[in-house]
Amino acid sequence: MLTIKDQQRAAGRRSLAPPALLTGANLQWACLILPIAATLYSAVIALGVAHGLPGSYQTVVLCEVLLLGFAVASLLASGLTSDDWPPILLLYFLVVIAVILSMVNSRPMIETLRSTFLIGIFAMIGQRMTAKTLDTAFFVVAMVVVVVLLIEIFAQGTYVWLFQPQAFFTATRGMQASEYNNSGLFNNASSFEGRFSFGFFDIPRTSSVFMEQVSNANFACVLALYISARWGALSSVKRGALLGTVALILVSTNGRFASLLVLAMALGFFVFPMLGRITLPLASMAIAGIAIAINMIYPFQPGDDLIGRITFAGKMFGEADWPFYLGARASDALRQRDSGYTYLIGSTTIFGAIALWAFVNFYPRANDAPSRRLAFGVVGYMLGQLLVSSTSLFSIKTAALLWALVGCVRMQEAIKPRRRAEA
């Protein structure tokens, strides 16, 4: 994995900016703090709100703006290099689209800008990370998540007293508690008859530090991607701890898509490294083919299950017209938060969706076994998740670590040919 010396030598040859102000250990501290803070910031706000501190939607926005601002400042201070051009190109293209959509729709497309910045900026943060920094970030977050998760499972009253999740969402999102929710947990924590469950715990679905269940399950996916990419570098103790964290999250959130993805990652651990680079975009096309087949076999079936989610997204996609796909009704798309690809295309245009598809497929280098496992996992996570959901993919609570991981592994692959050339 990339070392500080490798980074300094490579940046010195390929710098696109004046001499870097942020290097070495200071740069690694910035790269460590940023994804950890991005993942845990909502838990900190919830802790404050639960114990009397003021909190609002503006508080959340301010935190994310500060995190992204600190990230941009760190990137500029460390010096941009030619390795940064893929994320920068994605940022430039989608920012231009967001500006155009803002004029067409007579409202600022903040959502498009935010999603774009999360992916591009944290990918570049990851490119500056060493293996030690990446491993530390994931291990620290995983241990915090599992400790809070154990409190939530075995001492739910203490968890509610600490964080008051529903009060947090009422204060920061305006989501009032349901008349059936007197637990203090987020409304969606309660399950319902017929919903998928592993049956290990007779408790509401868990949220840990994320305050809601979807991000908790998504974190299990991101952590599984990290384990698959870094398996050979992890000690047996860390492997066991991290795998145990993934398993505990899955069986306590009863996450359907997350469980399927983690199962696919486990089955593909030995298969993905044998597949050629060209099969990566083919895999993403196969995901779209599966969605089309499901929508052909099953008519629209309302329901909060995988078939219901996929057919709902398919229905929205079929009902949309060309003005919608070109972003002329982006405001309508933003209200369809569970419409998957329809949401993505409507809020970024079909050209923005193609740009994101290309980035997900071609940004990972996939030149060796660990990076191929990660590349196929990222395609499955991003493009598979869009079959059943939309906005959860672009939550900073999980996107920061995900794209830092992808950027770090990509840079590891980039430095290998240079090492051989210098040998």
Protein backbone atom coordinates (compact mmCIF):
# COMPACT_ATOMS: atom_id res chain seq x y z
CA MET A 1 0.00 0.00 0.00
CA LEU A 2 1.12 3.57 -0.61
CA THR A 3 3.55 4.99 1.94
CA ILE A 4 4.15 8.62 2.87
CA LYS A 5 7.49 8.51 1.04
CA ASP A 6 5.80 7.17 -2.10
CA GLN A 7 3.20 9.93 -1.93
CA GLN A 8 5.79 12.66 -1.54
CA ARG A 9 7.96 11.31 -4.39
CA ALA A 10 4.98 10.88 -6.73
CA ALA A 11 3.46 14.26 -5.85
CA GLY A 12 6.80 15.95 -6.40
CA ARG A 13 6.95 14.68 -10.01
CA ARG A 14 3.34 15.24 -10.95
CA SER A 15 2.28 18.32 -9.02
CA LEU A 16 -0.24 20.60 -10.72
CA ALA A 17 0.02 23.26 -8.00
CA PRO A 18 2.65 25.17 -5.99
CA PRO A 19 4.71 23.24 -3.40
CA ALA A 20 2.46 21.41 -0.94
CA LEU A 21 1.82 22.99 2.45
CA LEU A 22 0.30 19.87 3.98
CA THR A 23 2.46 16.74 3.77
CA GLY A 24 3.67 13.75 5.72
CA ALA A 25 2.18 13.06 9.14
CA ASN A 26 0.06 16.23 9.14
CA LEU A 27 -1.58 15.18 5.87
CA GLN A 28 -2.27 11.72 7.27
CA TRP A 29 -3.88 13.20 10.37
CA ALA A 30 -6.21 15.23 8.14
CA CYS A 31 -7.01 12.14 6.05
CA LEU A 32 -7.73 10.18 9.23
CA ILE A 33 -9.91 12.75 10.96
CA LEU A 34 -12.08 13.65 7.96
CA PRO A 35 -13.79 10.29 7.21
CA ILE A 36 -14.13 9.47 10.92
CA ALA A 37 -15.78 12.83 11.61
CA ALA A 38 -18.01 12.47 8.54
CA THR A 39 -19.21 9.06 9.74
CA LEU A 40 -19.82 9.99 13.37
CA TYR A 41 -20.94 13.62 13.24
CA SER A 42 -24.68 12.86 13.38
CA ALA A 43 -24.18 10.79 16.54
CA VAL A 44 -22.39 13.75 18.15
CA ILE A 45 -25.24 16.10 17.20
CA ALA A 46 -27.82 13.59 18.48
CA LEU A 47 -25.93 13.26 21.77
CA GLY A 48 -26.04 17.03 22.17
CA VAL A 49 -29.71 17.36 21.25
CA ALA A 50 -30.63 14.54 23.65
CA HIS A 51 -29.02 16.42 26.53
CA GLY A 52 -30.29 19.90 25.98
CA LEU A 53 -28.13 21.46 23.30
CA PRO A 54 -29.91 23.17 20.38
CA GLY A 55 -30.08 21.35 17.07
CA SER A 56 -31.71 22.08 13.72
CA TYR A 57 -31.50 21.31 10.02
CA GLN A 58 -29.05 24.20 9.76
CA THR A 59 -26.80 22.45 12.29
CA VAL A 60 -26.54 19.40 10.05
CA VAL A 61 -25.93 21.52 6.95
CA LEU A 62 -23.25 23.54 8.74
CA CYS A 63 -21.46 20.38 9.87
CA GLU A 64 -21.41 18.94 6.35
CA VAL A 65 -20.26 22.25 4.86
CA LEU A 66 -17.44 22.45 7.40
CA LEU A 67 -16.40 18.85 6.70
CA LEU A 68 -16.36 19.39 2.95
CA GLY A 69 -14.62 22.75 3.38
CA PHE A 70 -11.92 21.18 5.55
CA ALA A 71 -11.54 18.40 2.97
CA VAL A 72 -11.16 20.86 0.07
CA ALA A 73 -8.66 22.93 2.07
CA SER A 74 -6.65 19.78 2.85
CA LEU A 75 -6.60 18.79 -0.82
CA LEU A 76 -5.43 22.22 -1.94
CA ALA A 77 -2.83 22.43 0.82
CA SER A 78 -1.47 18.98 -0.09
CA GLY A 79 -1.18 19.94 -3.77
CA LEU A 80 -3.22 18.55 -6.66
CA THR A 81 -1.57 15.98 -8.93
CA SER A 82 -2.30 14.35 -12.27
CA ASP A 83 -3.75 11.38 -10.37
CA ASP A 84 -6.62 13.64 -9.30
CA TRP A 85 -7.96 14.25 -12.79
CA PRO A 86 -10.74 11.57 -12.80
CA PRO A 87 -12.50 12.92 -9.65
CA ILE A 88 -11.88 16.50 -10.76
CA LEU A 89 -13.39 15.77 -14.17
CA LEU A 90 -16.46 14.20 -12.53
CA LEU A 91 -16.77 17.19 -10.20
CA TYR A 92 -16.48 19.68 -13.06
CA PHE A 93 -18.99 17.89 -15.27
CA LEU A 94 -21.64 17.44 -12.57
CA VAL A 95 -21.17 20.94 -11.16
CA VAL A 96 -21.85 22.35 -14.64
CA ILE A 97 -24.97 20.19 -14.86
CA ALA A 98 -26.09 21.34 -11.40
CA VAL A 99 -25.69 25.00 -12.39
CA ILE A 100 -27.70 24.46 -15.59
CA LEU A 101 -30.43 22.56 -13.71
CA SER A 102 -30.56 25.33 -11.10
CA MET A 103 -31.35 27.86 -13.83
CA VAL A 104 -33.85 25.58 -15.61
CA ASN A 105 -35.71 24.69 -12.40
CA SER A 106 -35.44 28.12 -10.75
CA ARG A 107 -33.97 26.63 -7.59
CA PRO A 108 -30.42 25.80 -6.50
CA MET A 109 -29.68 22.10 -7.03
CA ILE A 110 -27.88 21.72 -3.71
CA GLU A 111 -28.60 17.98 -3.61
CA THR A 112 -26.76 17.35 -6.88
CA LEU A 113 -23.79 19.48 -5.79
CA ARG A 114 -23.59 17.74 -2.41
CA SER A 115 -23.63 14.22 -3.87
CA THR A 116 -21.00 15.20 -6.44
CA PHE A 117 -18.66 16.72 -3.89
CA LEU A 118 -18.93 13.74 -1.53
CA ILE A 119 -17.77 11.29 -4.18
CA GLY A 120 -15.06 13.37 -5.83
CA ILE A 121 -13.55 14.97 -2.76
CA PHE A 122 -13.35 11.87 -0.59
CA ALA A 123 -11.94 9.84 -3.50
CA MET A 124 -9.08 12.37 -3.63
CA ILE A 125 -8.72 12.25 0.16
CA GLY A 126 -8.35 8.48 -0.16
CA GLN A 127 -5.65 8.89 -2.80
CA ARG A 128 -3.56 10.69 -0.17
CA MET A 129 -4.06 8.05 2.52
CA THR A 130 -1.46 5.50 3.49
CA ALA A 131 -2.50 1.93 4.29
CA LYS A 132 -1.98 2.59 7.99
CA THR A 133 -4.26 5.64 7.91
CA LEU A 134 -6.96 3.76 6.00
CA ASP A 135 -6.81 0.78 8.36
CA THR A 136 -6.92 3.02 11.42
CA ALA A 137 -9.93 4.97 10.13
CA PHE A 138 -11.96 1.83 9.42
CA PHE A 139 -11.00 0.09 12.65
CA VAL A 140 -11.78 3.11 14.84
CA VAL A 141 -15.18 3.63 13.23
CA ALA A 142 -16.01 -0.09 13.32
CA MET A 143 -15.20 -0.35 17.02
CA VAL A 144 -17.27 2.73 17.89
CA VAL A 145 -20.15 1.35 15.82
CA VAL A 146 -20.06 -2.08 17.45
CA VAL A 147 -19.81 -0.72 21.01
CA VAL A 148 -22.83 1.54 20.49
CA LEU A 149 -24.61 -1.32 18.70
CA LEU A 150 -24.13 -3.64 21.69
CA ILE A 151 -25.56 -0.96 23.99
CA GLU A 152 -28.55 -0.60 21.65
CA ILE A 153 -29.17 -4.36 21.53
CA PHE A 154 -28.72 -5.21 25.19
CA ALA A 155 -29.52 -1.90 26.93
CA GLN A 156 -31.97 -0.13 24.65
CA GLY A 157 -33.10 2.25 27.38
CA THR A 158 -29.54 3.47 27.84
CA TYR A 159 -29.13 3.91 24.08
CA VAL A 160 -32.34 5.96 23.85
CA TRP A 161 -31.28 8.07 26.84
CA LEU A 162 -27.90 8.74 25.23
CA PHE A 163 -29.05 9.65 21.71
CA GLN A 164 -32.85 10.10 21.55
CA PRO A 165 -32.83 9.24 17.80
CA GLN A 166 -36.41 10.34 17.11
CA ALA A 167 -35.85 13.64 18.90
CA PHE A 168 -32.76 14.12 16.73
CA PHE A 169 -34.75 13.66 13.51
CA THR A 170 -37.56 15.86 14.78
CA ALA A 171 -35.12 18.65 15.57
CA THR A 172 -32.94 18.36 12.46
CA ARG A 173 -35.34 17.04 9.78
CA GLY A 174 -38.78 18.00 11.06
CA MET A 175 -39.86 14.32 11.17
CA GLN A 176 -42.41 13.99 13.94
CA ALA A 177 -42.72 10.78 15.95
CA SER A 178 -45.38 8.40 14.70
CA GLU A 179 -48.42 7.91 16.92
CA TYR A 180 -47.31 4.28 17.23
CA ASN A 181 -43.75 5.16 18.23
CA ASN A 182 -43.20 5.73 21.93
CA SER A 183 -39.79 4.05 22.04
CA GLY A 184 -37.66 7.14 21.39
CA LEU A 185 -36.10 5.33 18.41
CA PHE A 186 -36.44 6.49 14.82
CA ASN A 187 -39.90 5.73 13.40
CA ASN A 188 -38.63 3.15 10.91
CA ALA A 189 -36.98 1.07 13.64
CA SER A 190 -40.23 -0.79 14.20
CA SER A 191 -40.73 -3.74 11.90
CA PHE A 192 -44.05 -5.02 10.57
CA GLU A 193 -45.68 -8.37 9.92
CA GLY A 194 -44.20 -10.12 6.92
CA ARG A 195 -41.00 -8.08 6.78
CA PHE A 196 -37.78 -10.06 6.35
CA SER A 197 -36.03 -10.93 9.61
CA PHE A 198 -33.20 -13.24 10.62
CA GLY A 199 -35.02 -13.83 13.91
CA PHE A 200 -31.94 -13.56 16.14
CA PHE A 201 -33.18 -10.59 18.18
CA ASP A 202 -36.69 -9.68 19.26
CA ILE A 203 -35.95 -5.96 19.20
CA PRO A 204 -36.51 -3.02 16.85
CA ARG A 205 -34.09 -2.75 13.93
CA THR A 206 -30.82 -1.22 15.06
CA SER A 207 -29.19 2.07 14.09
CA SER A 208 -26.01 2.32 16.19
CA VAL A 209 -24.20 5.67 15.66
CA PHE A 210 -26.14 6.41 12.47
CA MET A 211 -29.47 7.04 14.24
CA GLU A 212 -31.34 5.25 11.43
CA GLN A 213 -31.31 1.71 10.06
CA VAL A 214 -30.46 2.21 6.37
CA SER A 215 -27.09 3.85 7.01
CA ASN A 216 -26.27 1.17 9.58
CA ALA A 217 -26.88 -1.57 7.00
CA ASN A 218 -24.99 0.42 4.35
CA PHE A 219 -22.03 0.70 6.68
CA ALA A 220 -21.99 -3.10 6.91
CA CYS A 221 -21.67 -3.16 3.09
CA VAL A 222 -18.85 -0.61 3.09
CA LEU A 223 -17.04 -2.49 5.86
CA ALA A 224 -17.40 -5.74 3.90
CA LEU A 225 -15.87 -4.02 0.86
CA TYR A 226 -12.95 -2.88 3.00
CA ILE A 227 -12.41 -6.37 4.42
CA SER A 228 -12.39 -7.92 0.95
CA ALA A 229 -9.85 -5.38 -0.31
CA ARG A 230 -7.54 -5.49 2.72
CA TRP A 231 -7.98 -9.14 3.76
CA GLY A 232 -4.37 -10.15 3.21
CA ALA A 233 -3.05 -7.21 5.23
CA LEU A 234 -5.31 -7.70 8.28
CA SER A 235 -4.35 -9.73 11.33
CA SER A 236 -6.57 -12.63 12.36
CA VAL A 237 -7.79 -10.62 15.35
CA LYS A 238 -8.84 -7.69 13.18
CA ARG A 239 -10.46 -10.00 10.65
CA GLY A 240 -12.53 -11.61 13.37
CA ALA A 241 -13.52 -8.29 14.95
CA LEU A 242 -14.53 -6.70 11.65
CA LEU A 243 -16.37 -9.76 10.34
CA GLY A 244 -18.19 -9.99 13.66
CA THR A 245 -19.20 -6.34 13.35
CA VAL A 246 -20.61 -6.91 9.85
CA ALA A 247 -22.54 -9.99 10.99
CA LEU A 248 -23.97 -8.27 14.09
CA ILE A 249 -25.14 -5.28 12.04
CA LEU A 250 -26.84 -7.50 9.45
CA VAL A 251 -28.71 -9.71 11.90
CA SER A 252 -29.82 -6.76 14.04
CA THR A 253 -30.89 -4.44 11.20
CA ASN A 254 -32.37 -7.31 9.17
CA GLY A 255 -31.04 -5.52 6.11
CA ARG A 256 -32.18 -7.25 2.92
CA PHE A 257 -30.02 -5.65 0.25
CA ALA A 258 -27.03 -5.44 2.59
CA SER A 259 -27.26 -9.14 3.39
CA LEU A 260 -27.43 -10.05 -0.30
CA LEU A 261 -24.43 -7.86 -1.15
CA VAL A 262 -22.30 -9.23 1.68
CA LEU A 263 -23.22 -12.77 0.59
CA ALA A 264 -22.23 -11.89 -3.00
CA MET A 265 -18.92 -10.46 -1.75
CA ALA A 266 -18.22 -13.66 0.17
CA LEU A 267 -19.06 -15.85 -2.85
CA GLY A 268 -17.04 -13.60 -5.15
CA PHE A 269 -13.95 -13.47 -2.95
CA PHE A 270 -12.22 -16.09 -5.08
CA VAL A 271 -14.20 -15.50 -8.29
CA PHE A 272 -13.76 -11.75 -8.81
CA PRO A 273 -9.93 -11.87 -9.05
CA MET A 274 -10.24 -14.32 -11.97
CA LEU A 275 -12.49 -12.02 -14.00
CA GLY A 276 -10.99 -9.67 -16.55
CA ARG A 277 -11.20 -5.89 -16.26
CA ILE A 278 -13.64 -5.75 -19.17
CA THR A 279 -16.20 -7.77 -17.22
CA LEU A 280 -16.68 -4.95 -14.70
CA PRO A 281 -18.98 -2.79 -16.89
CA LEU A 282 -20.65 -6.02 -18.05
CA ALA A 283 -21.49 -6.77 -14.42
CA SER A 284 -23.19 -3.38 -14.08
CA MET A 285 -25.21 -4.11 -17.22
CA ALA A 286 -26.20 -7.47 -15.73
CA ILE A 287 -27.63 -5.63 -12.70
CA ALA A 288 -29.79 -3.54 -15.04
CA GLY A 289 -30.81 -6.73 -16.85
CA ILE A 290 -31.94 -8.32 -13.59
CA ALA A 291 -34.05 -5.26 -12.81
CA ILE A 292 -35.67 -5.36 -16.26
CA ALA A 293 -36.40 -9.08 -15.90
CA ILE A 294 -38.01 -8.60 -12.48
CA ASN A 295 -40.21 -5.81 -13.82
CA MET A 296 -41.24 -8.01 -16.75
CA ILE A 297 -42.04 -11.02 -14.58
CA TYR A 298 -43.81 -9.12 -11.81
CA PRO A 299 -46.28 -6.32 -12.45
CA PHE A 300 -46.06 -3.36 -10.10
CA GLN A 301 -46.51 -4.69 -6.58
CA PRO A 302 -46.64 -2.02 -3.85
CA GLY A 303 -44.81 -3.17 -0.76
CA ASP A 304 -41.73 -2.62 1.35
CA ASP A 305 -39.81 -5.64 0.11
CA LEU A 306 -37.17 -6.11 -2.59
CA ILE A 307 -39.70 -6.92 -5.33
CA GLY A 308 -41.90 -4.03 -4.28
CA ARG A 309 -38.97 -1.58 -4.24
CA ILE A 310 -37.61 -2.73 -7.62
CA THR A 311 -41.00 -2.67 -9.35
CA PHE A 312 -41.79 0.75 -7.84
CA ALA A 313 -38.53 2.11 -9.25
CA GLY A 314 -39.35 0.45 -12.58
CA LYS A 315 -42.82 2.02 -12.60
CA MET A 316 -41.38 5.49 -11.94
CA PHE A 317 -38.79 4.95 -14.66
CA GLY A 318 -41.41 3.91 -17.20
CA GLU A 319 -43.69 6.85 -16.40
CA ALA A 320 -40.95 9.47 -16.77
CA ASP A 321 -40.60 11.39 -20.05
CA TRP A 322 -37.71 13.06 -21.87
CA PRO A 323 -38.05 16.47 -20.17
CA PHE A 324 -37.77 14.61 -16.86
CA TYR A 325 -34.64 12.73 -17.98
CA LEU A 326 -33.08 15.98 -19.19
CA GLY A 327 -33.57 17.57 -15.77
CA ALA A 328 -36.45 19.91 -16.61
CA ARG A 329 -38.40 18.54 -13.64
CA ALA A 330 -35.59 17.95 -11.19
CA SER A 331 -37.76 19.15 -8.30
CA ASP A 332 -40.18 16.28 -9.01
CA ALA A 333 -37.26 13.82 -9.04
CA LEU A 334 -36.06 15.03 -5.64
CA ARG A 335 -39.43 14.11 -4.14
CA GLN A 336 -39.13 10.52 -5.42
CA ARG A 337 -36.41 9.50 -3.00
CA ASP A 338 -37.01 5.75 -3.33
CA SER A 339 -37.28 5.67 -7.12
CA GLY A 340 -33.68 4.56 -7.68
CA TYR A 341 -32.36 5.28 -11.14
CA THR A 342 -35.32 7.59 -11.85
CA TYR A 343 -34.24 9.81 -8.95
CA LEU A 344 -30.62 9.80 -10.10
CA ILE A 345 -31.41 10.61 -13.74
CA GLY A 346 -34.05 13.19 -12.90
CA SER A 347 -31.77 15.08 -10.50
CA THR A 348 -28.57 14.91 -12.60
CA THR A 349 -29.95 14.39 -16.15
CA ILE A 350 -29.26 11.26 -18.15
CA PHE A 351 -25.81 12.66 -18.94
CA GLY A 352 -24.96 13.02 -15.25
CA ALA A 353 -26.13 9.46 -14.59
CA ILE A 354 -23.91 8.18 -17.43
CA ALA A 355 -20.95 10.13 -15.98
CA LEU A 356 -21.49 8.56 -12.55
CA TRP A 357 -21.88 5.10 -14.13
CA ALA A 358 -18.58 5.57 -15.99
CA PHE A 359 -16.82 6.76 -12.82
CA VAL A 360 -18.03 3.79 -10.77
CA ASN A 361 -16.96 1.36 -13.49
CA PHE A 362 -13.65 2.84 -14.64
CA TYR A 363 -12.22 4.78 -11.68
CA PRO A 364 -11.19 1.60 -9.77
CA ARG A 365 -8.09 0.19 -11.49
CA ALA A 366 -8.86 -3.49 -10.75
CA ASN A 367 -5.32 -4.65 -11.57
CA ASP A 368 -4.88 -7.25 -8.82
CA ALA A 369 -7.01 -9.53 -6.63
CA PRO A 370 -7.80 -7.05 -3.78
CA SER A 371 -8.63 -4.19 -6.13
CA ARG A 372 -10.83 -6.41 -8.32
CA ARG A 373 -12.79 -7.58 -5.29
CA LEU A 374 -13.30 -3.95 -4.34
CA ALA A 375 -14.19 -2.86 -7.88
CA PHE A 376 -16.89 -5.52 -8.32
CA GLY A 377 -18.17 -4.81 -4.82
CA VAL A 378 -18.47 -1.08 -5.49
CA VAL A 379 -20.36 -1.73 -8.74
CA GLY A 380 -22.73 -4.07 -6.87
CA TYR A 381 -23.17 -1.64 -3.99
CA MET A 382 -23.73 1.53 -6.01
CA LEU A 383 -25.65 0.21 -9.01
CA GLY A 384 -27.48 -2.51 -7.11
CA GLN A 385 -28.57 -0.12 -4.37
CA LEU A 386 -30.09 2.15 -7.01
CA LEU A 387 -32.61 -0.61 -7.75
CA VAL A 388 -34.22 -0.14 -4.34
CA SER A 389 -33.12 3.21 -2.96
CA SER A 390 -31.54 6.53 -3.92
CA THR A 391 -30.51 9.11 -1.36
CA SER A 392 -28.91 6.67 1.11
CA LEU A 393 -26.04 6.11 -1.35
CA PHE A 394 -25.07 9.75 -1.05
CA SER A 395 -25.13 10.05 2.73
CA ILE A 396 -21.83 11.40 4.00
CA LYS A 397 -22.09 8.96 6.93
CA THR A 398 -21.13 6.07 4.64
CA ALA A 399 -19.99 7.69 1.37
CA ALA A 400 -16.94 9.33 2.97
CA LEU A 401 -15.37 6.04 4.05
CA LEU A 402 -16.42 4.25 0.86
CA TRP A 403 -14.79 6.68 -1.56
CA ALA A 404 -11.74 7.15 0.65
CA LEU A 405 -11.30 3.37 0.43
CA VAL A 406 -11.70 3.35 -3.36
CA GLY A 407 -9.29 6.25 -3.79
CA CYS A 408 -6.68 4.70 -1.51
CA VAL A 409 -6.75 1.33 -3.27
CA ARG A 410 -6.59 3.04 -6.67
CA MET A 411 -3.48 4.94 -5.63
CA GLN A 412 -1.89 1.72 -4.39
CA GLU A 413 -2.26 0.33 -7.91
CA ALA A 414 -0.94 3.53 -9.49
CA ILE A 415 2.32 3.46 -7.55
CA LYS A 416 3.28 -0.14 -8.41
CA PRO A 417 4.42 0.51 -12.00
CA ARG A 418 6.47 3.48 -10.79
CA ARG A 419 8.21 1.35 -8.19
CA ARG A 420 9.11 -1.21 -10.84
CA ALA A 421 10.36 1.51 -13.19
CA GLU A 422 12.55 3.01 -10.47
CA ALA A 423 13.95 -0.36 -9.37
